[in-house]
Each structure stands twice: as C-alpha cells, then as structure tokens.
Amino acid sequence: MENSPSFSVLVIDDEPSLHNAMALKLSSRGYEVFQAADGREGLELALKSLPDVIVSDLMMPNMNGAELIDALKAVDSTRHIPVIVLSNVDNVIEYQSISTTSANLDGIKIVKKAETPLDRLVDLVNQAIAMFVC
C-alpha cells in the first residue's frame, strides 16, 4: 500500500527509545507521526490531532493503555480511530482485566511487543488504514 503523508499515526509509549524508533520507522514510510510518553498525554494529543491510527503500549504511568482506549471510545470524535496495542500483555482477557469498562475490542488489535519487529508494525498500520480509514 502506498502511504500518503495525509495519514497520521499517534505513537504512545513510556519507553523513549522504543517510541522514537517506531516514529522514525513510520515517518520514513510517509506517515505523519505524533508522539506521547503516557496515556494521559496520548489522550490529549489524540483529541487535538485526531490521528488516523493509534499505536499504544498497555502498561504506562498516569493512564494505562486500556484506560486510554476506554476514554477514546467515550468520545464521538475519537471512538472510530483504530488502535494497535503493542504490549507484552497480549491476551484479551488480561487487557479486559485492566480496562475500566471492558471496552468493545472492535478496531483494536493487541500484538506482542517483543515479537513485533518495526516492519511488522508498519504492516499493521497499513492494514488498519486500509480497513478503517480508506
């Protein structure tokens, strides 16, 4: 899929080296990339920038990824945004156990951080764009 600079991705992770690497890889593929260091900052940036896709860690300070998704799904302007949860917590049951609302997982993909190379992450973003945005 040919990436267009008009597509944007919000990367949320509390590990600076990892979110910088993800941002570099995605921007090299033509995406406009926004970055946040935790869920609370990510929520503020998502509401402001309305990205096409969000890539988020699950276990973060201030607001974890499940709380972030619950907050995004509660707002009309962000509930449609696909979210790729990139975490070592890769089990839906574990995800739902930390979610305050056990949010519907439509448009949410949970993948194992340690087993997802950056090129695979780009593929997942491309798939999300194709399925939910185009």
N, C-alpha and C. Protein backbone atom coordinates (compact mmCIF):
# COMPACT_ATOMS: atom_id res chain seq x y z
N MET A 1 0.84 -1.19 0.00
CA MET A 1 0.00 0.00 0.00
C MET A 1 0.88 1.23 0.00
N GLU A 2 0.61 2.15 -0.86
CA GLU A 2 1.34 3.41 -0.94
C GLU A 2 0.88 4.31 0.20
N ASN A 3 1.82 4.74 1.04
CA ASN A 3 1.47 5.61 2.16
C ASN A 3 1.35 7.05 1.70
N SER A 4 0.40 7.73 2.23
CA SER A 4 0.18 9.13 1.91
C SER A 4 0.55 9.97 3.12
N PRO A 5 1.22 11.11 2.90
CA PRO A 5 1.54 11.96 4.04
C PRO A 5 0.29 12.48 4.75
N SER A 6 -0.87 12.31 4.13
CA SER A 6 -2.07 12.79 4.79
C SER A 6 -2.53 11.85 5.90
N PHE A 7 -1.96 10.64 5.98
CA PHE A 7 -2.31 9.73 7.06
C PHE A 7 -1.39 9.98 8.26
N SER A 8 -1.99 9.94 9.45
CA SER A 8 -1.20 10.22 10.65
C SER A 8 -1.34 9.09 11.66
N VAL A 9 -0.28 8.93 12.44
CA VAL A 9 -0.22 7.89 13.46
C VAL A 9 0.23 8.54 14.77
N LEU A 10 -0.47 8.22 15.84
CA LEU A 10 -0.06 8.65 17.18
C LEU A 10 0.58 7.45 17.86
N VAL A 11 1.84 7.61 18.27
CA VAL A 11 2.59 6.56 18.96
C VAL A 11 2.67 6.94 20.44
N ILE A 12 2.19 6.04 21.31
CA ILE A 12 2.17 6.30 22.75
C ILE A 12 2.92 5.17 23.44
N ASP A 13 4.04 5.51 24.06
CA ASP A 13 4.83 4.51 24.79
C ASP A 13 5.71 5.23 25.79
N ASP A 14 5.87 4.66 26.97
CA ASP A 14 6.68 5.30 28.01
C ASP A 14 8.16 4.96 27.90
N GLU A 15 8.55 4.18 26.90
CA GLU A 15 9.96 3.89 26.65
C GLU A 15 10.42 4.79 25.50
N PRO A 16 11.16 5.88 25.81
CA PRO A 16 11.53 6.84 24.77
C PRO A 16 12.26 6.23 23.58
N SER A 17 13.17 5.31 23.81
CA SER A 17 13.91 4.74 22.68
C SER A 17 12.98 3.95 21.76
N LEU A 18 12.00 3.27 22.34
CA LEU A 18 11.07 2.50 21.52
C LEU A 18 10.11 3.40 20.75
N HIS A 19 9.51 4.39 21.42
CA HIS A 19 8.57 5.22 20.66
C HIS A 19 9.29 6.09 19.64
N ASN A 20 10.55 6.44 19.89
CA ASN A 20 11.33 7.17 18.88
C ASN A 20 11.63 6.27 17.68
N ALA A 21 11.98 5.01 17.93
CA ALA A 21 12.24 4.07 16.83
C ALA A 21 10.98 3.83 16.00
N MET A 22 9.84 3.66 16.68
CA MET A 22 8.58 3.47 15.95
C MET A 22 8.26 4.71 15.11
N ALA A 23 8.43 5.88 15.71
CA ALA A 23 8.13 7.13 14.99
C ALA A 23 9.04 7.29 13.78
N LEU A 24 10.32 6.98 13.93
CA LEU A 24 11.26 7.09 12.82
C LEU A 24 10.87 6.15 11.68
N LYS A 25 10.54 4.91 12.02
CA LYS A 25 10.17 3.92 11.01
C LYS A 25 8.89 4.34 10.28
N LEU A 26 7.88 4.76 11.03
CA LEU A 26 6.61 5.17 10.41
C LEU A 26 6.77 6.43 9.57
N SER A 27 7.53 7.40 10.06
CA SER A 27 7.73 8.63 9.27
C SER A 27 8.52 8.34 8.00
N SER A 28 9.44 7.37 8.05
CA SER A 28 10.21 7.01 6.85
C SER A 28 9.32 6.35 5.80
N ARG A 29 8.15 5.86 6.24
CA ARG A 29 7.20 5.25 5.31
C ARG A 29 6.11 6.23 4.89
N GLY A 30 6.28 7.51 5.23
CA GLY A 30 5.37 8.53 4.73
C GLY A 30 4.28 8.98 5.68
N TYR A 31 4.24 8.43 6.88
CA TYR A 31 3.21 8.82 7.84
C TYR A 31 3.63 10.07 8.61
N GLU A 32 2.65 10.91 8.91
CA GLU A 32 2.86 11.99 9.86
C GLU A 32 2.74 11.35 11.24
N VAL A 33 3.72 11.56 12.11
CA VAL A 33 3.74 10.86 13.39
C VAL A 33 3.71 11.86 14.54
N PHE A 34 2.82 11.59 15.48
CA PHE A 34 2.75 12.32 16.75
C PHE A 34 3.22 11.35 17.83
N GLN A 35 3.84 11.88 18.90
CA GLN A 35 4.36 11.02 19.95
C GLN A 35 3.91 11.49 21.32
N ALA A 36 3.63 10.53 22.19
CA ALA A 36 3.27 10.83 23.58
C ALA A 36 3.95 9.80 24.48
N ALA A 37 4.26 10.22 25.71
CA ALA A 37 5.02 9.38 26.64
C ALA A 37 4.14 8.59 27.61
N ASP A 38 2.85 8.89 27.67
CA ASP A 38 1.95 8.14 28.54
C ASP A 38 0.52 8.31 28.05
N GLY A 39 -0.38 7.57 28.67
CA GLY A 39 -1.77 7.58 28.23
C GLY A 39 -2.46 8.93 28.33
N ARG A 40 -2.20 9.65 29.41
CA ARG A 40 -2.83 10.95 29.59
C ARG A 40 -2.39 11.93 28.49
N GLU A 41 -1.09 11.98 28.25
CA GLU A 41 -0.57 12.84 27.17
C GLU A 41 -1.09 12.36 25.82
N GLY A 42 -1.17 11.04 25.65
CA GLY A 42 -1.69 10.47 24.40
C GLY A 42 -3.14 10.84 24.16
N LEU A 43 -3.95 10.81 25.21
CA LEU A 43 -5.36 11.18 25.07
C LEU A 43 -5.49 12.64 24.65
N GLU A 44 -4.75 13.52 25.31
CA GLU A 44 -4.79 14.94 24.94
C GLU A 44 -4.39 15.15 23.49
N LEU A 45 -3.32 14.46 23.07
CA LEU A 45 -2.85 14.60 21.69
C LEU A 45 -3.83 13.99 20.70
N ALA A 46 -4.44 12.88 21.06
CA ALA A 46 -5.44 12.25 20.17
C ALA A 46 -6.63 13.17 19.96
N LEU A 47 -7.11 13.78 21.03
CA LEU A 47 -8.26 14.69 20.93
C LEU A 47 -7.92 15.93 20.10
N LYS A 48 -6.67 16.36 20.18
CA LYS A 48 -6.24 17.55 19.45
C LYS A 48 -5.93 17.24 17.98
N SER A 49 -5.21 16.14 17.72
CA SER A 49 -4.72 15.87 16.37
C SER A 49 -5.60 14.92 15.56
N LEU A 50 -6.48 14.15 16.23
CA LEU A 50 -7.35 13.17 15.56
C LEU A 50 -6.57 12.32 14.54
N PRO A 51 -5.62 11.51 15.02
CA PRO A 51 -4.83 10.68 14.11
C PRO A 51 -5.68 9.62 13.43
N ASP A 52 -5.17 9.08 12.34
CA ASP A 52 -5.86 8.01 11.63
C ASP A 52 -5.73 6.67 12.35
N VAL A 53 -4.59 6.45 13.01
CA VAL A 53 -4.31 5.21 13.75
C VAL A 53 -3.55 5.58 15.01
N ILE A 54 -3.77 4.82 16.08
CA ILE A 54 -3.02 4.98 17.31
C ILE A 54 -2.29 3.68 17.60
N VAL A 55 -1.00 3.78 17.92
CA VAL A 55 -0.20 2.65 18.39
C VAL A 55 0.13 2.96 19.84
N SER A 56 -0.29 2.08 20.75
CA SER A 56 -0.12 2.37 22.17
C SER A 56 0.40 1.17 22.95
N ASP A 57 1.26 1.47 23.89
CA ASP A 57 1.66 0.49 24.89
C ASP A 57 0.46 0.28 25.81
N LEU A 58 0.47 -0.77 26.57
CA LEU A 58 -0.62 -1.03 27.50
C LEU A 58 -0.26 -0.58 28.92
N MET A 59 0.90 -0.98 29.39
CA MET A 59 1.31 -0.66 30.75
C MET A 59 2.15 0.63 30.74
N MET A 60 1.52 1.73 31.17
CA MET A 60 2.17 3.05 31.20
C MET A 60 1.75 3.79 32.46
N PRO A 61 2.56 4.76 32.86
CA PRO A 61 2.18 5.57 34.03
C PRO A 61 1.07 6.58 33.67
N ASN A 62 0.47 7.14 34.68
CA ASN A 62 -0.55 8.20 34.59
C ASN A 62 -1.89 7.72 34.05
N MET A 63 -1.89 7.00 32.95
CA MET A 63 -3.10 6.41 32.38
C MET A 63 -2.63 5.23 31.53
N ASN A 64 -3.08 4.03 31.85
CA ASN A 64 -2.62 2.88 31.06
C ASN A 64 -3.36 2.82 29.72
N GLY A 65 -2.91 1.92 28.86
CA GLY A 65 -3.49 1.84 27.53
C GLY A 65 -4.96 1.47 27.51
N ALA A 66 -5.40 0.63 28.42
CA ALA A 66 -6.82 0.26 28.48
C ALA A 66 -7.66 1.46 28.89
N GLU A 67 -7.19 2.23 29.88
CA GLU A 67 -7.91 3.44 30.29
C GLU A 67 -7.95 4.45 29.14
N LEU A 68 -6.85 4.54 28.41
CA LEU A 68 -6.79 5.43 27.25
C LEU A 68 -7.85 5.03 26.22
N ILE A 69 -7.91 3.75 25.91
CA ILE A 69 -8.88 3.27 24.91
C ILE A 69 -10.30 3.50 25.41
N ASP A 70 -10.55 3.24 26.69
CA ASP A 70 -11.87 3.50 27.25
C ASP A 70 -12.25 4.97 27.05
N ALA A 71 -11.29 5.88 27.31
CA ALA A 71 -11.55 7.31 27.16
C ALA A 71 -11.76 7.68 25.69
N LEU A 72 -10.98 7.09 24.79
CA LEU A 72 -11.14 7.37 23.36
C LEU A 72 -12.50 6.89 22.85
N LYS A 73 -12.94 5.72 23.31
CA LYS A 73 -14.21 5.15 22.86
C LYS A 73 -15.42 5.92 23.42
N ALA A 74 -15.19 6.73 24.44
CA ALA A 74 -16.28 7.51 25.05
C ALA A 74 -16.51 8.84 24.36
N VAL A 75 -15.66 9.19 23.39
CA VAL A 75 -15.76 10.48 22.71
C VAL A 75 -16.08 10.25 21.24
N ASP A 76 -17.11 10.94 20.74
CA ASP A 76 -17.53 10.75 19.35
C ASP A 76 -16.41 10.96 18.34
N SER A 77 -15.57 11.96 18.56
CA SER A 77 -14.55 12.30 17.57
C SER A 77 -13.39 11.31 17.53
N THR A 78 -13.25 10.45 18.55
CA THR A 78 -12.12 9.51 18.57
C THR A 78 -12.53 8.04 18.64
N ARG A 79 -13.80 7.75 18.84
CA ARG A 79 -14.20 6.35 19.04
C ARG A 79 -13.95 5.48 17.81
N HIS A 80 -13.87 6.08 16.63
CA HIS A 80 -13.67 5.32 15.38
C HIS A 80 -12.20 5.03 15.09
N ILE A 81 -11.27 5.65 15.80
CA ILE A 81 -9.84 5.53 15.48
C ILE A 81 -9.36 4.12 15.83
N PRO A 82 -8.78 3.38 14.86
CA PRO A 82 -8.24 2.06 15.18
C PRO A 82 -7.02 2.19 16.09
N VAL A 83 -6.90 1.24 17.01
CA VAL A 83 -5.81 1.24 17.97
C VAL A 83 -5.07 -0.08 17.88
N ILE A 84 -3.76 0.01 17.76
CA ILE A 84 -2.90 -1.16 17.82
C ILE A 84 -2.23 -1.13 19.18
N VAL A 85 -2.55 -2.10 20.02
CA VAL A 85 -1.93 -2.19 21.34
C VAL A 85 -0.69 -3.06 21.18
N LEU A 86 0.45 -2.44 21.39
CA LEU A 86 1.73 -3.10 21.24
C LEU A 86 2.30 -3.28 22.64
N SER A 87 2.15 -4.48 23.19
CA SER A 87 2.50 -4.67 24.59
C SER A 87 2.90 -6.12 24.84
N ASN A 88 3.60 -6.34 25.94
CA ASN A 88 3.89 -7.70 26.34
C ASN A 88 2.68 -8.36 27.00
N VAL A 89 1.64 -7.57 27.29
CA VAL A 89 0.35 -8.11 27.69
C VAL A 89 -0.43 -8.28 26.39
N ASP A 90 -0.49 -9.49 25.87
CA ASP A 90 -1.09 -9.69 24.54
C ASP A 90 -2.36 -10.50 24.58
N ASN A 91 -2.90 -10.71 25.75
CA ASN A 91 -4.07 -11.54 25.90
C ASN A 91 -5.30 -10.65 26.13
N VAL A 92 -6.35 -10.88 25.39
CA VAL A 92 -7.57 -10.07 25.50
C VAL A 92 -8.13 -10.11 26.92
N ILE A 93 -8.07 -11.27 27.57
CA ILE A 93 -8.59 -11.37 28.94
C ILE A 93 -7.77 -10.50 29.88
N GLU A 94 -6.43 -10.51 29.72
CA GLU A 94 -5.58 -9.63 30.54
C GLU A 94 -5.91 -8.17 30.26
N TYR A 95 -6.11 -7.84 28.99
CA TYR A 95 -6.47 -6.47 28.62
C TYR A 95 -7.77 -6.07 29.32
N GLN A 96 -8.78 -6.91 29.21
CA GLN A 96 -10.07 -6.58 29.80
C GLN A 96 -10.01 -6.49 31.32
N SER A 97 -9.07 -7.21 31.93
CA SER A 97 -8.96 -7.16 33.39
C SER A 97 -8.44 -5.81 33.88
N ILE A 98 -7.74 -5.06 33.03
CA ILE A 98 -7.28 -3.73 33.45
C ILE A 98 -8.11 -2.61 32.84
N SER A 99 -9.06 -2.97 31.98
CA SER A 99 -9.95 -1.98 31.38
C SER A 99 -11.07 -1.66 32.37
N THR A 100 -11.36 -0.38 32.52
CA THR A 100 -12.41 0.00 33.47
C THR A 100 -13.80 -0.31 32.94
N THR A 101 -13.96 -0.43 31.62
CA THR A 101 -15.27 -0.68 31.05
C THR A 101 -15.33 -1.96 30.21
N SER A 102 -14.21 -2.67 30.12
CA SER A 102 -14.13 -3.82 29.21
C SER A 102 -14.64 -3.41 27.83
N ALA A 103 -14.05 -2.35 27.32
CA ALA A 103 -14.47 -1.74 26.06
C ALA A 103 -14.56 -2.78 24.95
N ASN A 104 -15.49 -2.56 24.05
CA ASN A 104 -15.62 -3.37 22.87
C ASN A 104 -14.28 -3.31 22.13
N LEU A 105 -13.78 -4.46 21.71
CA LEU A 105 -12.47 -4.51 21.07
C LEU A 105 -12.52 -4.33 19.56
N ASP A 106 -13.64 -3.87 19.01
CA ASP A 106 -13.70 -3.57 17.58
C ASP A 106 -12.69 -2.47 17.27
N GLY A 107 -11.89 -2.71 16.24
CA GLY A 107 -10.90 -1.72 15.83
C GLY A 107 -9.67 -1.70 16.71
N ILE A 108 -9.54 -2.69 17.60
CA ILE A 108 -8.38 -2.76 18.49
C ILE A 108 -7.66 -4.07 18.20
N LYS A 109 -6.37 -3.97 17.96
CA LYS A 109 -5.54 -5.15 17.71
C LYS A 109 -4.49 -5.19 18.80
N ILE A 110 -4.37 -6.32 19.49
CA ILE A 110 -3.38 -6.48 20.54
C ILE A 110 -2.28 -7.40 20.01
N VAL A 111 -1.04 -6.90 19.99
CA VAL A 111 0.08 -7.69 19.49
C VAL A 111 1.21 -7.68 20.52
N LYS A 112 1.98 -8.72 20.51
CA LYS A 112 3.09 -8.90 21.45
C LYS A 112 4.25 -7.99 21.06
N LYS A 113 4.61 -7.09 21.95
CA LYS A 113 5.67 -6.11 21.69
C LYS A 113 6.99 -6.80 21.34
N ALA A 114 7.38 -7.77 22.15
CA ALA A 114 8.68 -8.42 21.97
C ALA A 114 8.78 -9.21 20.66
N GLU A 115 7.64 -9.55 20.07
CA GLU A 115 7.64 -10.38 18.86
C GLU A 115 7.20 -9.61 17.61
N THR A 116 7.17 -8.28 17.70
CA THR A 116 6.70 -7.48 16.58
C THR A 116 7.80 -6.54 16.09
N PRO A 117 8.52 -6.94 15.05
CA PRO A 117 9.54 -6.04 14.51
C PRO A 117 8.89 -4.79 13.91
N LEU A 118 9.67 -3.75 13.76
CA LEU A 118 9.13 -2.47 13.27
C LEU A 118 8.49 -2.59 11.89
N ASP A 119 9.05 -3.43 11.02
CA ASP A 119 8.42 -3.60 9.71
C ASP A 119 7.03 -4.22 9.83
N ARG A 120 6.85 -5.12 10.79
CA ARG A 120 5.52 -5.70 11.03
C ARG A 120 4.56 -4.64 11.56
N LEU A 121 5.08 -3.75 12.41
CA LEU A 121 4.25 -2.65 12.91
C LEU A 121 3.75 -1.79 11.75
N VAL A 122 4.62 -1.49 10.81
CA VAL A 122 4.20 -0.72 9.64
C VAL A 122 3.11 -1.47 8.88
N ASP A 123 3.27 -2.78 8.72
CA ASP A 123 2.24 -3.58 8.05
C ASP A 123 0.90 -3.48 8.79
N LEU A 124 0.94 -3.54 10.12
CA LEU A 124 -0.29 -3.43 10.91
C LEU A 124 -0.95 -2.07 10.75
N VAL A 125 -0.14 -1.03 10.71
CA VAL A 125 -0.69 0.32 10.49
C VAL A 125 -1.30 0.40 9.10
N ASN A 126 -0.61 -0.12 8.10
CA ASN A 126 -1.15 -0.14 6.74
C ASN A 126 -2.50 -0.87 6.69
N GLN A 127 -2.59 -2.01 7.38
CA GLN A 127 -3.84 -2.77 7.42
C GLN A 127 -4.96 -1.97 8.10
N ALA A 128 -4.62 -1.31 9.19
CA ALA A 128 -5.63 -0.51 9.89
C ALA A 128 -6.13 0.63 9.01
N ILE A 129 -5.22 1.27 8.29
CA ILE A 129 -5.60 2.34 7.37
C ILE A 129 -6.54 1.77 6.30
N ALA A 130 -6.16 0.64 5.72
CA ALA A 130 -6.97 0.04 4.66
C ALA A 130 -8.35 -0.38 5.14
N MET A 131 -8.43 -0.92 6.36
CA MET A 131 -9.69 -1.44 6.87
C MET A 131 -10.61 -0.37 7.45
N PHE A 132 -10.05 0.61 8.14
CA PHE A 132 -10.87 1.53 8.92
C PHE A 132 -10.90 2.96 8.41
N VAL A 133 -9.91 3.33 7.58
CA VAL A 133 -9.81 4.74 7.19
C VAL A 133 -10.19 4.93 5.73
N CYS A 134 -9.71 4.08 4.86
CA CYS A 134 -9.98 4.25 3.41
C CYS A 134 -11.37 3.84 3.04
